[in-house]
Every structure is written in C-alpha cells, then in structure tokens.
Amino acid sequence: MANDHGIREHMEIIGADGVHVGTVDKIEGDRIKLTKKDAGEGSHRGHHHFVPLGLVAEVEGDRVRLSANGDVAVSFEEEEDGKQA
C-alpha cells in the first residue's frame, strides 16, 4: 500500500492554489476516496470519486494539499472502477 501521508477521514483536500477539491472519505489502496457531497452535478452526482495519492504534496494540519491546482486536480479524478471521471 502507498504511503497515506497521515491522511484522515473528513480532511479537506485543496489544490496547490488553495481551492477546495473535496473532502476525504477514506484511503482505498493508492487513492483517496472523496465524499459523495463533492461529486459534482449531472452523471457525477451521488457517487464517490477518487484522487490518486501520488498527487498529494503535503498534509497541513487538517488539510491535504495536492501538487496540482484545483482546476487541474479535478481532471485527475477517477470513478470507482479506475476510469477517468
């Protein structure tokens, strides 16, 4: 299993620019599972998305900062089956 960086449930995930990307539900393998409330609209609404742990730059208190800006980080989100969201 990949290093989870000390990431815990309900931590806020932000991009390198400080923009909110999501909230941690839990770690699953080498990905962070986001809460459903951060799923977005349309076909993305009501189910979990995942962010690769490889995008984590650091953990700052109760925040997980990613190495990519928020608008770029969401393009890396995946569905449960690993396909791009």
Protein backbone atom coordinates (compact mmCIF):
# COMPACT_ATOMS: atom_id res chain seq x y z
CA MET A 1 0.00 0.00 0.00
CA ALA A 2 1.18 3.51 -0.78
CA ASN A 3 2.13 5.94 1.98
CA ASP A 4 -1.11 7.54 3.19
CA HIS A 5 0.75 10.68 4.41
CA GLY A 6 -1.27 10.67 7.67
CA ILE A 7 -4.48 11.44 5.80
CA ARG A 8 -7.63 11.00 7.88
CA GLU A 9 -11.37 10.93 7.29
CA HIS A 10 -13.05 14.34 6.79
CA MET A 11 -9.83 16.24 5.99
CA GLU A 12 -10.29 18.93 3.36
CA ILE A 13 -8.46 18.39 0.07
CA ILE A 14 -7.19 21.54 -1.61
CA GLY A 15 -5.26 22.22 -4.78
CA ALA A 16 -1.81 23.82 -4.77
CA ASP A 17 -3.64 27.13 -5.24
CA GLY A 18 -5.76 26.60 -2.10
CA VAL A 19 -9.00 25.86 -4.00
CA HIS A 20 -11.30 23.24 -2.42
CA VAL A 21 -11.20 19.96 -4.36
CA GLY A 22 -13.05 17.65 -1.99
CA THR A 23 -13.26 16.00 1.42
CA VAL A 24 -11.61 12.72 2.39
CA ASP A 25 -13.96 9.79 2.91
CA LYS A 26 -11.11 7.27 3.30
CA ILE A 27 -7.98 5.83 1.70
CA GLU A 28 -8.52 2.87 -0.63
CA GLY A 29 -5.32 1.36 -1.95
CA ASP A 30 -3.34 4.09 -3.69
CA ARG A 31 -6.27 6.51 -3.97
CA ILE A 32 -8.19 8.94 -1.77
CA LYS A 33 -11.93 8.31 -1.83
CA LEU A 34 -13.83 11.62 -1.77
CA THR A 35 -17.14 12.09 0.00
CA LYS A 36 -20.25 11.96 -2.18
CA LYS A 37 -21.10 15.59 -1.39
CA ASP A 38 -18.11 16.62 -3.53
CA ALA A 39 -19.20 14.51 -6.51
CA GLY A 40 -20.43 17.38 -8.67
CA GLU A 41 -23.51 17.57 -10.86
CA GLY A 42 -25.23 15.53 -13.55
CA SER A 43 -23.96 11.98 -14.00
CA HIS A 44 -21.27 12.61 -11.37
CA ARG A 45 -23.77 13.40 -8.63
CA GLY A 46 -24.40 10.93 -5.81
CA HIS A 47 -21.37 8.68 -6.05
CA HIS A 48 -17.76 8.72 -4.93
CA HIS A 49 -14.78 9.91 -6.93
CA PHE A 50 -11.14 9.17 -6.23
CA VAL A 51 -7.89 11.15 -6.35
CA PRO A 52 -4.52 9.38 -6.74
CA LEU A 53 -2.33 9.54 -3.61
CA GLY A 54 0.52 10.46 -5.96
CA LEU A 55 -0.99 13.96 -6.25
CA VAL A 56 -0.52 14.67 -2.53
CA ALA A 57 2.15 17.30 -1.94
CA GLU A 58 1.76 17.55 1.84
CA VAL A 59 -0.61 17.40 4.78
CA GLU A 60 -1.07 20.75 6.54
CA GLY A 61 -2.98 20.29 9.79
CA ASP A 62 -6.46 19.16 8.71
CA ARG A 63 -5.87 19.86 5.02
CA VAL A 64 -4.41 17.73 2.27
CA ARG A 65 -2.62 19.92 -0.28
CA LEU A 66 -2.23 18.50 -3.77
CA SER A 67 0.66 19.22 -6.12
CA ALA A 68 -1.73 20.45 -8.84
CA ASN A 69 -4.01 23.49 -8.82
CA GLY A 70 -7.65 22.73 -8.06
CA ASP A 71 -8.90 23.03 -11.65
CA VAL A 72 -6.21 20.61 -12.83
CA ALA A 73 -6.58 18.22 -9.88
CA VAL A 74 -10.26 17.56 -10.64
CA SER A 75 -9.25 16.37 -14.11
CA PHE A 76 -7.36 13.53 -12.39
CA GLU A 77 -10.45 12.33 -10.51
CA GLU A 78 -11.40 8.73 -11.17
CA GLU A 79 -14.53 6.63 -10.86
CA GLU A 80 -14.54 3.59 -8.56
CA ASP A 81 -13.54 1.32 -11.47
CA GLY A 82 -10.43 3.45 -12.13
CA LYS A 83 -11.77 5.17 -15.25
CA GLN A 84 -11.45 8.93 -15.53
CA ALA A 85 -14.42 10.79 -14.02
